[in-house]
Amino acid sequence: MSASGVPDRLLEIMQCPACGGSLRDVGAPPSLVCTACGLRYPVTDGIPIMLVEKATPAGEGP
């Protein structure tokens, strides 16, 4: 299990819906950050919210 609560096996196959880049797991706040475009996707109760509309730039947010 990753720091955000997303299963490691799932994290291996996921990619950014905006650009197709790889995702990096972040524990605080629980999120996945795209290594290519820098969008941060929130993770709620171990479920990644992979909607571009819900993403924020990695430098913003809590």
PDB file of N, CA and C in Angstrom:
ATOM      1  N   MET A   1       0.855  -1.177   0.000  1.00  0.00           N
ATOM      2  CA  MET A   1       0.000   0.000   0.000  1.00  0.00           C
ATOM      3  C   MET A   1       0.899   1.237   0.000  1.00  0.00           C
ATOM      4  N   SER A   2       0.546   2.196  -0.812  1.00  0.00           N
ATOM      5  CA  SER A   2       1.327   3.420  -0.919  1.00  0.00           C
ATOM      6  C   SER A   2       0.990   4.377   0.229  1.00  0.00           C
ATOM      7  N   ALA A   3       1.711   5.480   0.287  1.00  0.00           N
ATOM      8  CA  ALA A   3       1.505   6.464   1.353  1.00  0.00           C
ATOM      9  C   ALA A   3       0.107   7.079   1.306  1.00  0.00           C
ATOM     10  N   SER A   4      -0.457   7.207   0.114  1.00  0.00           N
ATOM     11  CA  SER A   4      -1.787   7.812  -0.027  1.00  0.00           C
ATOM     12  C   SER A   4      -2.914   6.810   0.193  1.00  0.00           C
ATOM     13  N   GLY A   5      -2.573   5.525   0.261  1.00  0.00           N
ATOM     14  CA  GLY A   5      -3.587   4.495   0.448  1.00  0.00           C
ATOM     15  C   GLY A   5      -3.979   3.782  -0.830  1.00  0.00           C
ATOM     16  N   VAL A   6      -3.407   4.190  -1.958  1.00  0.00           N
ATOM     17  CA  VAL A   6      -3.684   3.537  -3.239  1.00  0.00           C
ATOM     18  C   VAL A   6      -2.831   2.269  -3.318  1.00  0.00           C
ATOM     19  N   PRO A   7      -3.407   1.126  -3.666  1.00  0.00           N
ATOM     20  CA  PRO A   7      -2.612  -0.101  -3.778  1.00  0.00           C
ATOM     21  C   PRO A   7      -1.463   0.082  -4.782  1.00  0.00           C
ATOM     22  N   ASP A   8      -0.277  -0.401  -4.418  1.00  0.00           N
ATOM     23  CA  ASP A   8       0.909  -0.257  -5.258  1.00  0.00           C
ATOM     24  C   ASP A   8       0.697  -0.798  -6.665  1.00  0.00           C
ATOM     25  N   ARG A   9       0.025  -1.918  -6.766  1.00  0.00           N
ATOM     26  CA  ARG A   9      -0.202  -2.536  -8.076  1.00  0.00           C
ATOM     27  C   ARG A   9      -1.036  -1.623  -8.983  1.00  0.00           C
ATOM     28  N   LEU A  10      -2.024  -0.947  -8.414  1.00  0.00           N
ATOM     29  CA  LEU A  10      -2.836  -0.014  -9.177  1.00  0.00           C
ATOM     30  C   LEU A  10      -2.009   1.214  -9.572  1.00  0.00           C
ATOM     31  N   LEU A  11      -1.211   1.712  -8.646  1.00  0.00           N
ATOM     32  CA  LEU A  11      -0.381   2.880  -8.903  1.00  0.00           C
ATOM     33  C   LEU A  11       0.590   2.632 -10.066  1.00  0.00           C
ATOM     34  N   GLU A  12       1.063   1.409 -10.215  1.00  0.00           N
ATOM     35  CA  GLU A  12       2.000   1.057 -11.288  1.00  0.00           C
ATOM     36  C   GLU A  12       1.394   1.247 -12.670  1.00  0.00           C
ATOM     37  N   ILE A  13       0.081   1.049 -12.819  1.00  0.00           N
ATOM     38  CA  ILE A  13      -0.531   1.107 -14.149  1.00  0.00           C
ATOM     39  C   ILE A  13      -1.268   2.418 -14.420  1.00  0.00           C
ATOM     40  N   MET A  14      -1.414   3.263 -13.420  1.00  0.00           N
ATOM     41  CA  MET A  14      -2.136   4.519 -13.594  1.00  0.00           C
ATOM     42  C   MET A  14      -1.261   5.561 -14.280  1.00  0.00           C
ATOM     43  N   GLN A  15      -1.921   6.474 -14.985  1.00  0.00           N
ATOM     44  CA  GLN A  15      -1.211   7.604 -15.580  1.00  0.00           C
ATOM     45  C   GLN A  15      -2.094   8.839 -15.518  1.00  0.00           C
ATOM     46  N   CYS A  16      -1.491   9.980 -15.687  1.00  0.00           N
ATOM     47  CA  CYS A  16      -2.208  11.253 -15.637  1.00  0.00           C
ATOM     48  C   CYS A  16      -3.222  11.321 -16.781  1.00  0.00           C
ATOM     49  N   PRO A  17      -4.499  11.616 -16.476  1.00  0.00           N
ATOM     50  CA  PRO A  17      -5.489  11.722 -17.547  1.00  0.00           C
ATOM     51  C   PRO A  17      -5.305  12.980 -18.409  1.00  0.00           C
ATOM     52  N   ALA A  18      -4.587  13.969 -17.919  1.00  0.00           N
ATOM     53  CA  ALA A  18      -4.378  15.201 -18.685  1.00  0.00           C
ATOM     54  C   ALA A  18      -3.279  15.053 -19.731  1.00  0.00           C
ATOM     55  N   CYS A  19      -2.169  14.373 -19.373  1.00  0.00           N
ATOM     56  CA  CYS A  19      -1.038  14.323 -20.291  1.00  0.00           C
ATOM     57  C   CYS A  19      -0.456  12.927 -20.502  1.00  0.00           C
ATOM     58  N   GLY A  20      -0.887  11.949 -19.709  1.00  0.00           N
ATOM     59  CA  GLY A  20      -0.371  10.585 -19.841  1.00  0.00           C
ATOM     60  C   GLY A  20       0.919  10.339 -19.090  1.00  0.00           C
ATOM     61  N   GLY A  21       1.341  11.295 -18.273  1.00  0.00           N
ATOM     62  CA  GLY A  21       2.581  11.168 -17.512  1.00  0.00           C
ATOM     63  C   GLY A  21       2.470  10.197 -16.349  1.00  0.00           C
ATOM     64  N   SER A  22       3.618   9.870 -15.778  1.00  0.00           N
ATOM     65  CA  SER A  22       3.689   8.992 -14.601  1.00  0.00           C
ATOM     66  C   SER A  22       3.212   9.742 -13.367  1.00  0.00           C
ATOM     67  N   LEU A  23       2.728   8.981 -12.385  1.00  0.00           N
ATOM     68  CA  LEU A  23       2.230   9.571 -11.154  1.00  0.00           C
ATOM     69  C   LEU A  23       3.133   9.220  -9.985  1.00  0.00           C
ATOM     70  N   ARG A  24       3.346  10.200  -9.112  1.00  0.00           N
ATOM     71  CA  ARG A  24       4.137  10.025  -7.896  1.00  0.00           C
ATOM     72  C   ARG A  24       3.181  10.095  -6.711  1.00  0.00           C
ATOM     73  N   ASP A  25       3.343   9.162  -5.791  1.00  0.00           N
ATOM     74  CA  ASP A  25       2.492   9.081  -4.607  1.00  0.00           C
ATOM     75  C   ASP A  25       2.961  10.075  -3.549  1.00  0.00           C
ATOM     76  N   VAL A  26       2.024  10.820  -2.977  1.00  0.00           N
ATOM     77  CA  VAL A  26       2.320  11.783  -1.917  1.00  0.00           C
ATOM     78  C   VAL A  26       1.399  11.476  -0.751  1.00  0.00           C
ATOM     79  N   GLY A  27       1.948  11.437   0.459  1.00  0.00           N
ATOM     80  CA  GLY A  27       1.156  11.069   1.630  1.00  0.00           C
ATOM     81  C   GLY A  27       0.428  12.209   2.306  1.00  0.00           C
ATOM     82  N   ALA A  28       0.957  13.433   2.251  1.00  0.00           N
ATOM     83  CA  ALA A  28       0.319  14.535   2.961  1.00  0.00           C
ATOM     84  C   ALA A  28       0.259  15.767   2.077  1.00  0.00           C
ATOM     85  N   PRO A  29      -0.893  16.218   1.651  1.00  0.00           N
ATOM     86  CA  PRO A  29      -2.165  15.507   1.752  1.00  0.00           C
ATOM     87  C   PRO A  29      -2.184  14.324   0.789  1.00  0.00           C
ATOM     88  N   PRO A  30      -2.972  13.291   1.080  1.00  0.00           N
ATOM     89  CA  PRO A  30      -2.995  12.107   0.208  1.00  0.00           C
ATOM     90  C   PRO A  30      -3.345  12.500  -1.221  1.00  0.00           C
ATOM     91  N   SER A  31      -2.417  12.255  -2.129  1.00  0.00           N
ATOM     92  CA  SER A  31      -2.632  12.638  -3.516  1.00  0.00           C
ATOM     93  C   SER A  31      -1.635  11.942  -4.422  1.00  0.00           C
ATOM     94  N   LEU A  32      -1.906  12.050  -5.717  1.00  0.00           N
ATOM     95  CA  LEU A  32      -1.012  11.558  -6.748  1.00  0.00           C
ATOM     96  C   LEU A  32      -0.623  12.763  -7.587  1.00  0.00           C
ATOM     97  N   VAL A  33       0.683  12.943  -7.802  1.00  0.00           N
ATOM     98  CA  VAL A  33       1.183  14.093  -8.542  1.00  0.00           C
ATOM     99  C   VAL A  33       1.818  13.608  -9.836  1.00  0.00           C
ATOM    100  N   CYS A  34       1.436  14.236 -10.938  1.00  0.00           N
ATOM    101  CA  CYS A  34       2.000  13.892 -12.242  1.00  0.00           C
ATOM    102  C   CYS A  34       3.428  14.429 -12.331  1.00  0.00           C
ATOM    103  N   THR A  35       4.359  13.566 -12.714  1.00  0.00           N
ATOM    104  CA  THR A  35       5.752  13.979 -12.828  1.00  0.00           C
ATOM    105  C   THR A  35       6.003  14.789 -14.095  1.00  0.00           C
ATOM    106  N   ALA A  36       5.064  14.771 -15.048  1.00  0.00           N
ATOM    107  CA  ALA A  36       5.245  15.505 -16.302  1.00  0.00           C
ATOM    108  C   ALA A  36       4.613  16.902 -16.249  1.00  0.00           C
ATOM    109  N   CYS A  37       3.318  16.978 -15.943  1.00  0.00           N
ATOM    110  CA  CYS A  37       2.633  18.276 -15.987  1.00  0.00           C
ATOM    111  C   CYS A  37       2.446  18.909 -14.607  1.00  0.00           C
ATOM    112  N   GLY A  38       2.667  18.146 -13.534  1.00  0.00           N
ATOM    113  CA  GLY A  38       2.596  18.703 -12.188  1.00  0.00           C
ATOM    114  C   GLY A  38       1.214  18.796 -11.575  1.00  0.00           C
ATOM    115  N   LEU A  39       0.196  18.224 -12.202  1.00  0.00           N
ATOM    116  CA  LEU A  39      -1.132  18.258 -11.595  1.00  0.00           C
ATOM    117  C   LEU A  39      -1.195  17.298 -10.406  1.00  0.00           C
ATOM    118  N   ARG A  40      -1.908  17.731  -9.372  1.00  0.00           N
ATOM    119  CA  ARG A  40      -2.086  16.929  -8.154  1.00  0.00           C
ATOM    120  C   ARG A  40      -3.529  16.439  -8.116  1.00  0.00           C
ATOM    121  N   TYR A  41      -3.687  15.110  -8.058  1.00  0.00           N
ATOM    122  CA  TYR A  41      -5.010  14.486  -7.995  1.00  0.00           C
ATOM    123  C   TYR A  41      -5.240  14.026  -6.556  1.00  0.00           C
ATOM    124  N   PRO A  42      -6.357  14.445  -5.935  1.00  0.00           N
ATOM    125  CA  PRO A  42      -6.614  14.064  -4.542  1.00  0.00           C
ATOM    126  C   PRO A  42      -6.946  12.577  -4.417  1.00  0.00           C
ATOM    127  N   VAL A  43      -6.638  12.029  -3.243  1.00  0.00           N
ATOM    128  CA  VAL A  43      -6.993  10.652  -2.903  1.00  0.00           C
ATOM    129  C   VAL A  43      -7.858  10.722  -1.656  1.00  0.00           C
ATOM    130  N   THR A  44      -9.075  10.180  -1.743  1.00  0.00           N
ATOM    131  CA  THR A  44     -10.012  10.191  -0.626  1.00  0.00           C
ATOM    132  C   THR A  44     -10.296   8.759  -0.203  1.00  0.00           C
ATOM    133  N   ASP A  45      -9.969   8.419   1.043  1.00  0.00           N
ATOM    134  CA  ASP A  45     -10.183   7.070   1.579  1.00  0.00           C
ATOM    135  C   ASP A  45      -9.562   5.995   0.678  1.00  0.00           C
ATOM    136  N   GLY A  46      -8.371   6.284   0.145  1.00  0.00           N
ATOM    137  CA  GLY A  46      -7.665   5.321  -0.700  1.00  0.00           C
ATOM    138  C   GLY A  46      -8.137   5.273  -2.140  1.00  0.00           C
ATOM    139  N   ILE A  47      -9.074   6.157  -2.507  1.00  0.00           N
ATOM    140  CA  ILE A  47      -9.613   6.182  -3.872  1.00  0.00           C
ATOM    141  C   ILE A  47      -9.118   7.436  -4.577  1.00  0.00           C
ATOM    142  N   PRO A  48      -8.316   7.264  -5.633  1.00  0.00           N
ATOM    143  CA  PRO A  48      -7.834   8.439  -6.363  1.00  0.00           C
ATOM    144  C   PRO A  48      -8.950   9.071  -7.197  1.00  0.00           C
ATOM    145  N   ILE A  49      -9.050  10.383  -7.125  1.00  0.00           N
ATOM    146  CA  ILE A  49     -10.035  11.131  -7.900  1.00  0.00           C
ATOM    147  C   ILE A  49      -9.309  11.650  -9.143  1.00  0.00           C
ATOM    148  N   MET A  50      -9.379  10.881 -10.223  1.00  0.00           N
ATOM    149  CA  MET A  50      -8.579  11.162 -11.413  1.00  0.00           C
ATOM    150  C   MET A  50      -9.353  11.994 -12.437  1.00  0.00           C
ATOM    151  N   LEU A  51      -9.957  13.053 -11.984  1.00  0.00           N
ATOM    152  CA  LEU A  51     -10.681  13.982 -12.858  1.00  0.00           C
ATOM    153  C   LEU A  51      -9.846  15.250 -12.993  1.00  0.00           C
ATOM    154  N   VAL A  52      -9.593  15.656 -14.213  1.00  0.00           N
ATOM    155  CA  VAL A  52      -8.791  16.855 -14.445  1.00  0.00           C
ATOM    156  C   VAL A  52      -9.439  18.063 -13.765  1.00  0.00           C
ATOM    157  N   GLU A  53     -10.772  18.101 -13.721  1.00  0.00           N
ATOM    158  CA  GLU A  53     -11.478  19.212 -13.076  1.00  0.00           C
ATOM    159  C   GLU A  53     -11.197  19.292 -11.577  1.00  0.00           C
ATOM    160  N   LYS A  54     -10.864  18.176 -10.947  1.00  0.00           N
ATOM    161  CA  LYS A  54     -10.597  18.140  -9.506  1.00  0.00           C
ATOM    162  C   LYS A  54      -9.108  18.304  -9.186  1.00  0.00           C
ATOM    163  N   ALA A  55      -8.266  18.272 -10.206  1.00  0.00           N
ATOM    164  CA  ALA A  55      -6.815  18.392 -10.007  1.00  0.00           C
ATOM    165  C   ALA A  55      -6.425  19.837  -9.750  1.00  0.00           C
ATOM    166  N   THR A  56      -5.338  20.007  -9.024  1.00  0.00           N
ATOM    167  CA  THR A  56      -4.770  21.329  -8.768  1.00  0.00           C
ATOM    168  C   THR A  56      -3.285  21.285  -9.102  1.00  0.00           C
ATOM    169  N   PRO A  57      -2.683  22.433  -9.405  1.00  0.00           N
ATOM    170  CA  PRO A  57      -1.235  22.439  -9.600  1.00  0.00           C
ATOM    171  C   PRO A  57      -0.542  21.968  -8.319  1.00  0.00           C
ATOM    172  N   ALA A  58       0.547  21.216  -8.460  1.00  0.00           N
ATOM    173  CA  ALA A  58       1.215  20.605  -7.305  1.00  0.00           C
ATOM    174  C   ALA A  58       1.629  21.617  -6.239  1.00  0.00           C
ATOM    175  N   GLY A  59       1.897  22.851  -6.600  1.00  0.00           N
ATOM    176  CA  GLY A  59       2.309  23.858  -5.636  1.00  0.00           C
ATOM    177  C   GLY A  59       1.167  24.467  -4.846  1.00  0.00           C
ATOM    178  N   GLU A  60      -0.067  24.180  -5.222  1.00  0.00           N
ATOM    179  CA  GLU A  60      -1.232  24.746  -4.561  1.00  0.00           C
ATOM    180  C   GLU A  60      -1.900  23.737  -3.648  1.00  0.00           C
ATOM    181  N   GLY A  61      -2.811  24.238  -2.835  1.00  0.00           N
ATOM    182  CA  GLY A  61      -3.614  23.362  -1.977  1.00  0.00           C
ATOM    183  C   GLY A  61      -2.960  23.114  -0.640  1.00  0.00           C
ATOM    184  N   PRO A  62      -3.648  22.302   0.184  1.00  0.00           N
ATOM    185  CA  PRO A  62      -3.148  22.036   1.549  1.00  0.00           C
ATOM    186  C   PRO A  62      -1.906  21.185   1.539  1.00  0.00           C
TER     187      PRO A  62
END
